[in-house]
């Protein structure tokens, strides 16, 4: 991997101290440690978000289906916009 982009982060001293200590425990530079940990975590979060499903009870499923299947209830502002777009005003 070619490193060609920079990211600057401001931290309080306590946070930086923990990062520095953790990097030392892994025997890597602070930059390498932050890169490894943050990129790995970001990959996990993206994969998890891509695989997340929503669970609905049978009652919720029916309500959701009915909401999708039913006719839209337009507000007066939406009806007015429709008339304007059709040139009826």
PDB file of N, CA and C in Angstrom:
ATOM      1  N   UNK A   1       0.850  -1.175   0.000  1.00  0.00           N
ATOM      2  CA  UNK A   1       0.000   0.000   0.000  1.00  0.00           C
ATOM      3  C   UNK A   1       0.894   1.236   0.000  1.00  0.00           C
ATOM      4  N   UNK A   2       0.636   2.129  -0.905  1.00  0.00           N
ATOM      5  CA  UNK A   2       1.361   3.383  -0.983  1.00  0.00           C
ATOM      6  C   UNK A   2       0.642   4.421  -0.128  1.00  0.00           C
ATOM      7  N   UNK A   3       1.388   5.053   0.739  1.00  0.00           N
ATOM      8  CA  UNK A   3       0.798   6.075   1.604  1.00  0.00           C
ATOM      9  C   UNK A   3       0.908   7.416   0.899  1.00  0.00           C
ATOM     10  N   UNK A   4      -0.232   7.934   0.458  1.00  0.00           N
ATOM     11  CA  UNK A   4      -0.176   9.167  -0.314  1.00  0.00           C
ATOM     12  C   UNK A   4      -1.111  10.248   0.212  1.00  0.00           C
ATOM     13  N   UNK A   5      -1.825   9.983   1.282  1.00  0.00           N
ATOM     14  CA  UNK A   5      -2.781  10.947   1.797  1.00  0.00           C
ATOM     15  C   UNK A   5      -2.526  11.170   3.279  1.00  0.00           C
ATOM     16  N   UNK A   6      -2.714  12.402   3.718  1.00  0.00           N
ATOM     17  CA  UNK A   6      -2.468  12.729   5.123  1.00  0.00           C
ATOM     18  C   UNK A   6      -3.778  12.969   5.853  1.00  0.00           C
ATOM     19  N   UNK A   7      -3.752  12.697   7.161  1.00  0.00           N
ATOM     20  CA  UNK A   7      -4.875  12.976   8.046  1.00  0.00           C
ATOM     21  C   UNK A   7      -4.294  13.572   9.318  1.00  0.00           C
ATOM     22  N   UNK A   8      -4.731  14.752   9.661  1.00  0.00           N
ATOM     23  CA  UNK A   8      -4.251  15.399  10.883  1.00  0.00           C
ATOM     24  C   UNK A   8      -5.355  15.338  11.918  1.00  0.00           C
ATOM     25  N   UNK A   9      -4.974  14.992  13.151  1.00  0.00           N
ATOM     26  CA  UNK A   9      -5.948  14.847  14.231  1.00  0.00           C
ATOM     27  C   UNK A   9      -5.437  15.595  15.453  1.00  0.00           C
ATOM     28  N   UNK A  10      -6.323  16.339  16.094  1.00  0.00           N
ATOM     29  CA  UNK A  10      -5.969  17.012  17.343  1.00  0.00           C
ATOM     30  C   UNK A  10      -6.469  16.170  18.504  1.00  0.00           C
ATOM     31  N   UNK A  11      -5.593  15.949  19.488  1.00  0.00           N
ATOM     32  CA  UNK A  11      -5.928  15.142  20.661  1.00  0.00           C
ATOM     33  C   UNK A  11      -5.537  15.877  21.929  1.00  0.00           C
ATOM     34  N   UNK A  12      -6.238  15.541  23.003  1.00  0.00           N
ATOM     35  CA  UNK A  12      -5.777  16.041  24.297  1.00  0.00           C
ATOM     36  C   UNK A  12      -4.558  15.214  24.704  1.00  0.00           C
ATOM     37  N   UNK A  13      -3.781  15.729  25.624  1.00  0.00           N
ATOM     38  CA  UNK A  13      -2.515  15.088  26.007  1.00  0.00           C
ATOM     39  C   UNK A  13      -2.727  13.674  26.549  1.00  0.00           C
ATOM     40  N   UNK A  14      -3.798  13.475  27.314  1.00  0.00           N
ATOM     41  CA  UNK A  14      -4.058  12.158  27.897  1.00  0.00           C
ATOM     42  C   UNK A  14      -4.308  11.123  26.798  1.00  0.00           C
ATOM     43  N   UNK A  15      -5.115  11.475  25.815  1.00  0.00           N
ATOM     44  CA  UNK A  15      -5.393  10.556  24.705  1.00  0.00           C
ATOM     45  C   UNK A  15      -4.124  10.236  23.922  1.00  0.00           C
ATOM     46  N   UNK A  16      -3.332  11.252  23.652  1.00  0.00           N
ATOM     47  CA  UNK A  16      -2.090  11.030  22.910  1.00  0.00           C
ATOM     48  C   UNK A  16      -1.151  10.132  23.706  1.00  0.00           C
ATOM     49  N   UNK A  17      -1.131  10.317  25.012  1.00  0.00           N
ATOM     50  CA  UNK A  17      -0.281   9.496  25.865  1.00  0.00           C
ATOM     51  C   UNK A  17      -0.674   8.020  25.764  1.00  0.00           C
ATOM     52  N   UNK A  18      -1.967   7.747  25.799  1.00  0.00           N
ATOM     53  CA  UNK A  18      -2.419   6.363  25.662  1.00  0.00           C
ATOM     54  C   UNK A  18      -2.055   5.785  24.300  1.00  0.00           C
ATOM     55  N   UNK A  19      -2.238   6.563  23.257  1.00  0.00           N
ATOM     56  CA  UNK A  19      -1.882   6.091  21.921  1.00  0.00           C
ATOM     57  C   UNK A  19      -0.386   5.811  21.817  1.00  0.00           C
ATOM     58  N   UNK A  20       0.401   6.690  22.365  1.00  0.00           N
ATOM     59  CA  UNK A  20       1.853   6.520  22.335  1.00  0.00           C
ATOM     60  C   UNK A  20       2.263   5.256  23.085  1.00  0.00           C
ATOM     61  N   UNK A  21       1.668   5.036  24.255  1.00  0.00           N
ATOM     62  CA  UNK A  21       1.970   3.832  25.044  1.00  0.00           C
ATOM     63  C   UNK A  21       1.546   2.566  24.303  1.00  0.00           C
ATOM     64  N   UNK A  22       0.367   2.605  23.694  1.00  0.00           N
ATOM     65  CA  UNK A  22      -0.114   1.434  22.952  1.00  0.00           C
ATOM     66  C   UNK A  22       0.789   1.139  21.757  1.00  0.00           C
ATOM     67  N   UNK A  23       1.233   2.175  21.065  1.00  0.00           N
ATOM     68  CA  UNK A  23       2.143   1.990  19.935  1.00  0.00           C
ATOM     69  C   UNK A  23       3.453   1.367  20.415  1.00  0.00           C
ATOM     70  N   UNK A  24       3.941   1.839  21.540  1.00  0.00           N
ATOM     71  CA  UNK A  24       5.184   1.295  22.087  1.00  0.00           C
ATOM     72  C   UNK A  24       5.021  -0.184  22.440  1.00  0.00           C
ATOM     73  N   UNK A  25       3.857  -0.552  22.969  1.00  0.00           N
ATOM     74  CA  UNK A  25       3.611  -1.956  23.301  1.00  0.00           C
ATOM     75  C   UNK A  25       3.647  -2.845  22.067  1.00  0.00           C
ATOM     76  N   UNK A  26       3.232  -2.319  20.945  1.00  0.00           N
ATOM     77  CA  UNK A  26       3.273  -3.074  19.685  1.00  0.00           C
ATOM     78  C   UNK A  26       4.588  -2.894  18.938  1.00  0.00           C
ATOM     79  N   UNK A  27       5.421  -2.030  19.481  1.00  0.00           N
ATOM     80  CA  UNK A  27       6.727  -1.731  18.868  1.00  0.00           C
ATOM     81  C   UNK A  27       6.574  -1.188  17.447  1.00  0.00           C
ATOM     82  N   UNK A  28       5.639  -0.237  17.301  1.00  0.00           N
ATOM     83  CA  UNK A  28       5.445   0.437  16.020  1.00  0.00           C
ATOM     84  C   UNK A  28       5.398   1.935  16.289  1.00  0.00           C
ATOM     85  N   UNK A  29       5.530   2.702  15.239  1.00  0.00           N
ATOM     86  CA  UNK A  29       5.451   4.155  15.406  1.00  0.00           C
ATOM     87  C   UNK A  29       4.015   4.544  15.748  1.00  0.00           C
ATOM     88  N   UNK A  30       3.867   5.723  16.305  1.00  0.00           N
ATOM     89  CA  UNK A  30       2.544   6.231  16.632  1.00  0.00           C
ATOM     90  C   UNK A  30       1.671   6.308  15.375  1.00  0.00           C
ATOM     91  N   UNK A  31       2.233   6.806  14.285  1.00  0.00           N
ATOM     92  CA  UNK A  31       1.491   6.898  13.024  1.00  0.00           C
ATOM     93  C   UNK A  31       1.036   5.529  12.543  1.00  0.00           C
ATOM     94  N   UNK A  32       1.950   4.546  12.580  1.00  0.00           N
ATOM     95  CA  UNK A  32       1.591   3.196  12.144  1.00  0.00           C
ATOM     96  C   UNK A  32       0.509   2.604  13.039  1.00  0.00           C
ATOM     97  N   UNK A  33       0.615   2.838  14.346  1.00  0.00           N
ATOM     98  CA  UNK A  33      -0.381   2.319  15.274  1.00  0.00           C
ATOM     99  C   UNK A  33      -1.757   2.910  14.983  1.00  0.00           C
ATOM    100  N   UNK A  34      -1.830   4.223  14.858  1.00  0.00           N
ATOM    101  CA  UNK A  34      -3.109   4.877  14.589  1.00  0.00           C
ATOM    102  C   UNK A  34      -3.672   4.394  13.262  1.00  0.00           C
ATOM    103  N   UNK A  35      -2.829   4.265  12.260  1.00  0.00           N
ATOM    104  CA  UNK A  35      -3.268   3.787  10.951  1.00  0.00           C
ATOM    105  C   UNK A  35      -3.833   2.374  11.064  1.00  0.00           C
ATOM    106  N   UNK A  36      -3.096   1.476  11.722  1.00  0.00           N
ATOM    107  CA  UNK A  36      -3.542   0.087  11.831  1.00  0.00           C
ATOM    108  C   UNK A  36      -4.875  -0.009  12.567  1.00  0.00           C
ATOM    109  N   UNK A  37      -4.958   0.634  13.696  1.00  0.00           N
ATOM    110  CA  UNK A  37      -6.153   0.511  14.529  1.00  0.00           C
ATOM    111  C   UNK A  37      -7.367   1.176  13.887  1.00  0.00           C
ATOM    112  N   UNK A  38      -7.201   2.386  13.388  1.00  0.00           N
ATOM    113  CA  UNK A  38      -8.356   3.098  12.843  1.00  0.00           C
ATOM    114  C   UNK A  38      -8.840   2.494  11.535  1.00  0.00           C
ATOM    115  N   UNK A  39      -7.930   2.103  10.654  1.00  0.00           N
ATOM    116  CA  UNK A  39      -8.348   1.519   9.375  1.00  0.00           C
ATOM    117  C   UNK A  39      -9.017   0.169   9.608  1.00  0.00           C
ATOM    118  N   UNK A  40      -8.452  -0.656  10.501  1.00  0.00           N
ATOM    119  CA  UNK A  40      -9.078  -1.946  10.798  1.00  0.00           C
ATOM    120  C   UNK A  40     -10.482  -1.745  11.375  1.00  0.00           C
ATOM    121  N   UNK A  41     -10.620  -0.808  12.294  1.00  0.00           N
ATOM    122  CA  UNK A  41     -11.926  -0.545  12.900  1.00  0.00           C
ATOM    123  C   UNK A  41     -12.905  -0.010  11.857  1.00  0.00           C
ATOM    124  N   UNK A  42     -12.446   0.876  11.016  1.00  0.00           N
ATOM    125  CA  UNK A  42     -13.317   1.420   9.974  1.00  0.00           C
ATOM    126  C   UNK A  42     -13.794   0.317   9.031  1.00  0.00           C
ATOM    127  N   UNK A  43     -12.916  -0.591   8.670  1.00  0.00           N
ATOM    128  CA  UNK A  43     -13.304  -1.709   7.798  1.00  0.00           C
ATOM    129  C   UNK A  43     -14.364  -2.576   8.466  1.00  0.00           C
ATOM    130  N   UNK A  44     -14.168  -2.869   9.768  1.00  0.00           N
ATOM    131  CA  UNK A  44     -15.155  -3.670  10.492  1.00  0.00           C
ATOM    132  C   UNK A  44     -16.514  -2.971  10.515  1.00  0.00           C
ATOM    133  N   UNK A  45     -16.507  -1.673  10.796  1.00  0.00           N
ATOM    134  CA  UNK A  45     -17.760  -0.927  10.876  1.00  0.00           C
ATOM    135  C   UNK A  45     -18.476  -0.864   9.531  1.00  0.00           C
ATOM    136  N   UNK A  46     -17.721  -0.695   8.449  1.00  0.00           N
ATOM    137  CA  UNK A  46     -18.333  -0.660   7.114  1.00  0.00           C
ATOM    138  C   UNK A  46     -18.924  -2.022   6.782  1.00  0.00           C
ATOM    139  N   UNK A  47     -18.168  -3.101   7.039  1.00  0.00           N
ATOM    140  CA  UNK A  47     -18.686  -4.449   6.765  1.00  0.00           C
ATOM    141  C   UNK A  47     -19.946  -4.718   7.585  1.00  0.00           C
ATOM    142  N   UNK A  48     -19.924  -4.325   8.841  1.00  0.00           N
ATOM    143  CA  UNK A  48     -21.085  -4.549   9.704  1.00  0.00           C
ATOM    144  C   UNK A  48     -22.295  -3.756   9.203  1.00  0.00           C
ATOM    145  N   UNK A  49     -22.080  -2.524   8.802  1.00  0.00           N
ATOM    146  CA  UNK A  49     -23.182  -1.699   8.302  1.00  0.00           C
ATOM    147  C   UNK A  49     -23.762  -2.288   7.023  1.00  0.00           C
ATOM    148  N   UNK A  50     -22.923  -2.873   6.197  1.00  0.00           N
ATOM    149  CA  UNK A  50     -23.398  -3.474   4.949  1.00  0.00           C
ATOM    150  C   UNK A  50     -24.202  -4.746   5.189  1.00  0.00           C
ATOM    151  N   UNK A  51     -23.996  -5.365   6.344  1.00  0.00           N
ATOM    152  CA  UNK A  51     -24.667  -6.627   6.631  1.00  0.00           C
ATOM    153  C   UNK A  51     -25.814  -6.476   7.628  1.00  0.00           C
ATOM    154  N   UNK A  52     -26.056  -5.282   8.102  1.00  0.00           N
ATOM    155  CA  UNK A  52     -27.080  -5.068   9.106  1.00  0.00           C
ATOM    156  C   UNK A  52     -28.465  -5.232   8.502  1.00  0.00           C
ATOM    157  N   UNK A  53     -29.281  -5.977   9.204  1.00  0.00           N
ATOM    158  CA  UNK A  53     -30.666  -6.138   8.791  1.00  0.00           C
ATOM    159  C   UNK A  53     -31.568  -5.600   9.883  1.00  0.00           C
ATOM    160  N   UNK A  54     -32.754  -5.223   9.499  1.00  0.00           N
ATOM    161  CA  UNK A  54     -33.735  -4.709  10.441  1.00  0.00           C
ATOM    162  C   UNK A  54     -34.741  -5.811  10.714  1.00  0.00           C
ATOM    163  N   UNK A  55     -34.985  -6.107  11.967  1.00  0.00           N
ATOM    164  CA  UNK A  55     -35.966  -7.116  12.336  1.00  0.00           C
ATOM    165  C   UNK A  55     -37.262  -6.444  12.734  1.00  0.00           C
ATOM    166  N   UNK A  56     -38.357  -6.920  12.168  1.00  0.00           N
ATOM    167  CA  UNK A  56     -39.668  -6.379  12.479  1.00  0.00           C
ATOM    168  C   UNK A  56     -40.570  -7.506  12.989  1.00  0.00           C
ATOM    169  N   UNK A  57     -41.419  -7.166  13.941  1.00  0.00           N
ATOM    170  CA  UNK A  57     -42.421  -8.122  14.394  1.00  0.00           C
ATOM    171  C   UNK A  57     -43.434  -8.304  13.270  1.00  0.00           C
ATOM    172  N   UNK A  58     -44.241  -9.360  13.330  1.00  0.00           N
ATOM    173  CA  UNK A  58     -45.276  -9.516  12.289  1.00  0.00           C
ATOM    174  C   UNK A  58     -46.179  -8.294  12.174  1.00  0.00           C
ATOM    175  N   UNK A  59     -46.531  -7.693  13.282  1.00  0.00           N
ATOM    176  CA  UNK A  59     -47.378  -6.497  13.246  1.00  0.00           C
ATOM    177  C   UNK A  59     -46.652  -5.336  12.576  1.00  0.00           C
ATOM    178  N   UNK A  60     -45.376  -5.169  12.879  1.00  0.00           N
ATOM    179  CA  UNK A  60     -44.588  -4.104  12.260  1.00  0.00           C
ATOM    180  C   UNK A  60     -44.409  -4.358  10.761  1.00  0.00           C
ATOM    181  N   UNK A  61     -44.229  -5.630  10.383  1.00  0.00           N
ATOM    182  CA  UNK A  61     -44.099  -5.966   8.966  1.00  0.00           C
ATOM    183  C   UNK A  61     -45.369  -5.593   8.206  1.00  0.00           C
ATOM    184  N   UNK A  62     -46.522  -5.912   8.793  1.00  0.00           N
ATOM    185  CA  UNK A  62     -47.787  -5.593   8.154  1.00  0.00           C
ATOM    186  C   UNK A  62     -47.976  -4.078   8.028  1.00  0.00           C
ATOM    187  N   UNK A  63     -47.661  -3.355   9.094  1.00  0.00           N
ATOM    188  CA  UNK A  63     -47.784  -1.895   9.053  1.00  0.00           C
ATOM    189  C   UNK A  63     -46.846  -1.309   7.999  1.00  0.00           C
ATOM    190  N   UNK A  64     -45.634  -1.838   7.913  1.00  0.00           N
ATOM    191  CA  UNK A  64     -44.666  -1.361   6.921  1.00  0.00           C
ATOM    192  C   UNK A  64     -45.176  -1.645   5.514  1.00  0.00           C
ATOM    193  N   UNK A  65     -45.661  -2.868   5.287  1.00  0.00           N
ATOM    194  CA  UNK A  65     -46.182  -3.224   3.969  1.00  0.00           C
ATOM    195  C   UNK A  65     -47.362  -2.337   3.598  1.00  0.00           C
ATOM    196  N   UNK A  66     -48.275  -2.138   4.519  1.00  0.00           N
ATOM    197  CA  UNK A  66     -49.440  -1.296   4.247  1.00  0.00           C
ATOM    198  C   UNK A  66     -49.033   0.136   3.929  1.00  0.00           C
ATOM    199  N   UNK A  67     -48.017   0.629   4.621  1.00  0.00           N
ATOM    200  CA  UNK A  67     -47.532   1.991   4.349  1.00  0.00           C
ATOM    201  C   UNK A  67     -46.954   2.090   2.937  1.00  0.00           C
ATOM    202  N   UNK A  68     -46.256   1.055   2.514  1.00  0.00           N
ATOM    203  CA  UNK A  68     -45.681   1.057   1.164  1.00  0.00           C
ATOM    204  C   UNK A  68     -46.747   0.835   0.103  1.00  0.00           C
ATOM    205  N   UNK A  69     -47.724   0.010   0.408  1.00  0.00           N
ATOM    206  CA  UNK A  69     -48.729  -0.377  -0.570  1.00  0.00           C
ATOM    207  C   UNK A  69     -49.852   0.648  -0.715  1.00  0.00           C
ATOM    208  N   UNK A  70     -50.094   1.418   0.323  1.00  0.00           N
ATOM    209  CA  UNK A  70     -51.200   2.369   0.300  1.00  0.00           C
ATOM    210  C   UNK A  70     -50.890   3.599  -0.534  1.00  0.00           C
ATOM    211  N   UNK A  71     -51.958   4.288  -0.874  1.00  0.00           N
ATOM    212  CA  UNK A  71     -51.802   5.534  -1.637  1.00  0.00           C
ATOM    213  C   UNK A  71     -51.179   6.605  -0.740  1.00  0.00           C
ATOM    214  N   UNK A  72     -50.351   7.422  -1.340  1.00  0.00           N
ATOM    215  CA  UNK A  72     -49.721   8.510  -0.592  1.00  0.00           C
ATOM    216  C   UNK A  72     -50.769   9.541  -0.198  1.00  0.00           C
ATOM    217  N   UNK A  73     -50.632  10.056   1.004  1.00  0.00           N
ATOM    218  CA  UNK A  73     -51.539  11.110   1.457  1.00  0.00           C
ATOM    219  C   UNK A  73     -50.802  12.437   1.314  1.00  0.00           C
ATOM    220  N   UNK A  74     -51.165  13.175   0.300  1.00  0.00           N
ATOM    221  CA  UNK A  74     -50.483  14.431   0.006  1.00  0.00           C
ATOM    222  C   UNK A  74     -50.959  15.539   0.934  1.00  0.00           C
ATOM    223  N   UNK A  75     -50.024  16.386   1.299  1.00  0.00           N
ATOM    224  CA  UNK A  75     -50.372  17.577   2.065  1.00  0.00           C
ATOM    225  C   UNK A  75     -50.900  18.633   1.099  1.00  0.00           C
ATOM    226  N   UNK A  76     -51.511  19.658   1.631  1.00  0.00           N
ATOM    227  CA  UNK A  76     -52.009  20.739   0.781  1.00  0.00           C
ATOM    228  C   UNK A  76     -50.856  21.391   0.013  1.00  0.00           C
ATOM    229  N   UNK A  77     -49.709  21.538   0.672  1.00  0.00           N
ATOM    230  CA  UNK A  77     -48.553  22.139  -0.004  1.00  0.00           C
ATOM    231  C   UNK A  77     -48.104  21.274  -1.182  1.00  0.00           C
ATOM    232  N   UNK A  78     -48.152  19.963  -1.026  1.00  0.00           N
ATOM    233  CA  UNK A  78     -47.772  19.075  -2.126  1.00  0.00           C
ATOM    234  C   UNK A  78     -48.778  19.152  -3.263  1.00  0.00           C
ATOM    235  N   UNK A  79     -50.049  19.209  -2.924  1.00  0.00           N
ATOM    236  CA  UNK A  79     -51.069  19.349  -3.980  1.00  0.00           C
ATOM    237  C   UNK A  79     -50.893  20.668  -4.721  1.00  0.00           C
ATOM    238  N   UNK A  80     -50.602  21.734  -3.983  1.00  0.00           N
ATOM    239  CA  UNK A  80     -50.384  23.049  -4.603  1.00  0.00           C
ATOM    240  C   UNK A  80     -49.169  23.003  -5.526  1.00  0.00           C
ATOM    241  N   UNK A  81     -48.112  22.346  -5.077  1.00  0.00           N
ATOM    242  CA  UNK A  81     -46.922  22.201  -5.920  1.00  0.00           C
ATOM    243  C   UNK A  81     -47.267  21.448  -7.200  1.00  0.00           C
ATOM    244  N   UNK A  82     -48.053  20.386  -7.086  1.00  0.00           N
ATOM    245  CA  UNK A  82     -48.469  19.629  -8.266  1.00  0.00           C
ATOM    246  C   UNK A  82     -49.241  20.494  -9.241  1.00  0.00           C
ATOM    247  N   UNK A  83     -50.161  21.299  -8.722  1.00  0.00           N
ATOM    248  CA  UNK A  83     -50.920  22.192  -9.602  1.00  0.00           C
ATOM    249  C   UNK A  83     -49.994  23.189 -10.291  1.00  0.00           C
ATOM    250  N   UNK A  84     -49.055  23.711  -9.537  1.00  0.00           N
ATOM    251  CA  UNK A  84     -48.098  24.667 -10.105  1.00  0.00           C
ATOM    252  C   UNK A  84     -47.261  24.005 -11.190  1.00  0.00           C
ATOM    253  N   UNK A  85     -46.792  22.796 -10.939  1.00  0.00           N
ATOM    254  CA  UNK A  85     -45.958  22.094 -11.919  1.00  0.00           C
ATOM    255  C   UNK A  85     -46.746  21.753 -13.186  1.00  0.00           C
ATOM    256  N   UNK A  86     -48.031  21.524 -13.038  1.00  0.00           N
ATOM    257  CA  UNK A  86     -48.868  21.232 -14.216  1.00  0.00           C
ATOM    258  C   UNK A  86     -49.369  22.502 -14.891  1.00  0.00           C
ATOM    259  N   UNK A  87     -49.052  23.666 -14.330  1.00  0.00           N
ATOM    260  CA  UNK A  87     -49.459  24.941 -14.909  1.00  0.00           C
ATOM    261  C   UNK A  87     -50.920  25.264 -14.672  1.00  0.00           C
ATOM    262  N   UNK A  88     -51.480  24.752 -13.579  1.00  0.00           N
ATOM    263  CA  UNK A  88     -52.892  24.949 -13.291  1.00  0.00           C
ATOM    264  C   UNK A  88     -53.149  26.164 -12.401  1.00  0.00           C
ATOM    265  N   UNK A  89     -52.154  26.872 -12.008  1.00  0.00           N
ATOM    266  CA  UNK A  89     -52.367  28.043 -11.146  1.00  0.00           C
ATOM    267  C   UNK A  89     -52.164  29.326 -11.911  1.00  0.00           C
TER     268      UNK A  89
END
